[in-house]
C-alpha atoms as a PDB file:
ATOM      1  CA  UNK A   1      12.629 -12.715 -16.730  1.00  0.00           C
ATOM      2  CA  UNK A   2      14.905 -14.953 -14.639  1.00  0.00           C
ATOM      3  CA  UNK A   3      15.062 -18.669 -15.160  1.00  0.00           C
ATOM      4  CA  UNK A   4      13.643 -19.301 -11.757  1.00  0.00           C
ATOM      5  CA  UNK A   5      10.644 -16.946 -12.493  1.00  0.00           C
ATOM      6  CA  UNK A   6      10.189 -18.638 -15.914  1.00  0.00           C
ATOM      7  CA  UNK A   7      10.062 -22.151 -14.219  1.00  0.00           C
ATOM      8  CA  UNK A   8       7.661 -20.899 -11.630  1.00  0.00           C
ATOM      9  CA  UNK A   9       5.335 -19.343 -14.274  1.00  0.00           C
ATOM     10  CA  UNK A  10       5.267 -22.518 -16.300  1.00  0.00           C
ATOM     11  CA  UNK A  11       4.552 -24.525 -13.080  1.00  0.00           C
ATOM     12  CA  UNK A  12       1.623 -22.156 -12.266  1.00  0.00           C
ATOM     13  CA  UNK A  13       0.236 -22.527 -15.835  1.00  0.00           C
ATOM     14  CA  UNK A  14       0.513 -26.329 -15.520  1.00  0.00           C
ATOM     15  CA  UNK A  15      -1.283 -26.344 -12.190  1.00  0.00           C
ATOM     16  CA  UNK A  16      -3.965 -24.048 -13.630  1.00  0.00           C
ATOM     17  CA  UNK A  17      -4.520 -26.609 -16.517  1.00  0.00           C
ATOM     18  CA  UNK A  18      -4.713 -29.400 -14.165  1.00  0.00           C
ATOM     19  CA  UNK A  19      -7.380 -27.644 -12.121  1.00  0.00           C
ATOM     20  CA  UNK A  20      -9.420 -27.348 -15.384  1.00  0.00           C
ATOM     21  CA  UNK A  21     -12.627 -25.658 -14.348  1.00  0.00           C
ATOM     22  CA  UNK A  22     -11.597 -24.838 -10.730  1.00  0.00           C
ATOM     23  CA  UNK A  23     -10.948 -21.099 -10.513  1.00  0.00           C
ATOM     24  CA  UNK A  24      -7.763 -19.914  -8.708  1.00  0.00           C
ATOM     25  CA  UNK A  25      -8.970 -17.061  -6.542  1.00  0.00           C
ATOM     26  CA  UNK A  26      -5.755 -15.849  -5.169  1.00  0.00           C
ATOM     27  CA  UNK A  27      -2.176 -16.667  -4.365  1.00  0.00           C
ATOM     28  CA  UNK A  28      -0.388 -16.232  -1.067  1.00  0.00           C
ATOM     29  CA  UNK A  29       3.339 -16.560  -0.663  1.00  0.00           C
ATOM     30  CA  UNK A  30       6.348 -15.495   1.506  1.00  0.00           C
ATOM     31  CA  UNK A  31       6.956 -12.490  -0.829  1.00  0.00           C
ATOM     32  CA  UNK A  32       9.927 -13.978  -2.792  1.00  0.00           C
ATOM     33  CA  UNK A  33      10.357 -11.621  -5.829  1.00  0.00           C
ATOM     34  CA  UNK A  34      10.565 -14.575  -8.422  1.00  0.00           C
ATOM     35  CA  UNK A  35       7.189 -15.930  -7.045  1.00  0.00           C
ATOM     36  CA  UNK A  36       5.546 -12.470  -7.246  1.00  0.00           C
ATOM     37  CA  UNK A  37       6.687 -12.049 -10.786  1.00  0.00           C
ATOM     38  CA  UNK A  38       5.778 -15.570 -11.890  1.00  0.00           C
ATOM     39  CA  UNK A  39       2.164 -15.039 -10.533  1.00  0.00           C
ATOM     40  CA  UNK A  40       1.970 -11.678 -12.344  1.00  0.00           C
ATOM     41  CA  UNK A  41       3.171 -13.324 -15.588  1.00  0.00           C
ATOM     42  CA  UNK A  42       1.282 -16.560 -15.411  1.00  0.00           C
ATOM     43  CA  UNK A  43      -1.906 -15.485 -13.627  1.00  0.00           C
ATOM     44  CA  UNK A  44      -2.187 -11.764 -14.203  1.00  0.00           C
ATOM     45  CA  UNK A  45      -5.782 -11.407 -13.170  1.00  0.00           C
ATOM     46  CA  UNK A  46      -5.308 -13.355  -9.880  1.00  0.00           C
ATOM     47  CA  UNK A  47      -4.915 -11.317  -6.765  1.00  0.00           C
ATOM     48  CA  UNK A  48      -1.575 -11.870  -4.938  1.00  0.00           C
ATOM     49  CA  UNK A  49      -1.057 -11.427  -1.270  1.00  0.00           C
ATOM     50  CA  UNK A  50       1.883 -11.716   1.163  1.00  0.00           C
ATOM     51  CA  UNK A  51       1.544 -14.375   3.849  1.00  0.00           C
ATOM     52  CA  UNK A  52       0.243 -12.784   7.200  1.00  0.00           C
ATOM     53  CA  UNK A  53       3.088 -14.590   9.160  1.00  0.00           C
ATOM     54  CA  UNK A  54       5.772 -13.123   6.844  1.00  0.00           C
ATOM     55  CA  UNK A  55       4.059  -9.606   6.675  1.00  0.00           C
ATOM     56  CA  UNK A  56       3.736  -9.435  10.431  1.00  0.00           C
ATOM     57  CA  UNK A  57       7.403 -10.704  10.976  1.00  0.00           C
ATOM     58  CA  UNK A  58       8.644  -7.939   8.700  1.00  0.00           C
ATOM     59  CA  UNK A  59       6.493  -5.235  10.408  1.00  0.00           C
ATOM     60  CA  UNK A  60       7.774  -6.370  13.827  1.00  0.00           C
ATOM     61  CA  UNK A  61      11.427  -6.244  12.948  1.00  0.00           C
ATOM     62  CA  UNK A  62      12.066  -2.584  14.012  1.00  0.00           C
ATOM     63  CA  UNK A  63      10.392  -3.154  17.323  1.00  0.00           C
ATOM     64  CA  UNK A  64      12.374  -6.332  17.869  1.00  0.00           C
ATOM     65  CA  UNK A  65      15.695  -4.615  16.998  1.00  0.00           C
ATOM     66  CA  UNK A  66      14.870  -1.744  19.370  1.00  0.00           C
ATOM     67  CA  UNK A  67      14.092  -4.110  22.084  1.00  0.00           C
ATOM     68  CA  UNK A  68      17.182  -6.060  21.478  1.00  0.00           C
ATOM     69  CA  UNK A  69      19.323  -3.005  21.644  1.00  0.00           C
ATOM     70  CA  UNK A  70      17.651  -1.883  24.879  1.00  0.00           C
ATOM     71  CA  UNK A  71      18.310  -5.314  26.457  1.00  0.00           C
ATOM     72  CA  UNK A  72      21.983  -5.098  25.475  1.00  0.00           C
ATOM     73  CA  UNK A  73      22.204  -1.606  26.979  1.00  0.00           C
ATOM     74  CA  UNK A  74      20.466  -2.632  30.135  1.00  0.00           C
ATOM     75  CA  UNK A  75      22.826  -5.537  30.643  1.00  0.00           C
ATOM     76  CA  UNK A  76      25.755  -3.311  30.369  1.00  0.00           C
ATOM     77  CA  UNK A  77      24.424  -1.234  33.226  1.00  0.00           C
ATOM     78  CA  UNK A  78      23.450  -4.247  35.305  1.00  0.00           C
ATOM     79  CA  UNK A  79      27.035  -5.866  34.955  1.00  0.00           C
ATOM     80  CA  UNK A  80      28.412  -2.909  37.084  1.00  0.00           C
ATOM     81  CA  UNK A  81      25.949  -3.748  39.873  1.00  0.00           C
ATOM     82  CA  UNK A  82      27.250  -7.274  40.429  1.00  0.00           C
ATOM     83  CA  UNK A  83      30.597  -6.534  42.009  1.00  0.00           C
ATOM     84  CA  UNK A  84      28.893  -4.195  44.433  1.00  0.00           C
ATOM     85  CA  UNK A  85      26.228  -6.720  45.394  1.00  0.00           C
ATOM     86  CA  UNK A  86      29.007  -9.282  46.029  1.00  0.00           C
ATOM     87  CA  UNK A  87      30.917  -6.872  48.154  1.00  0.00           C
ATOM     88  CA  UNK A  88      27.836  -6.204  50.372  1.00  0.00           C
END
């Protein structure tokens, strides 16, 4: 267990104690490994979920990269047209 994970687990336990009587129904985070492990350690019966924004951002990365590559290739082709346009 890393120091960061241990510190986070301690913090989660402290929050749980402060919320005496209020159940923690779930935990949502950006997916950082130390947070995931700390939740698993301190709150083993509490469901964990990746934040929708971060999940969708990761899911869209391949499409974004493909689009960026296509844009770059298209610009290469268009650059050759400019001198022709200027001549006309």
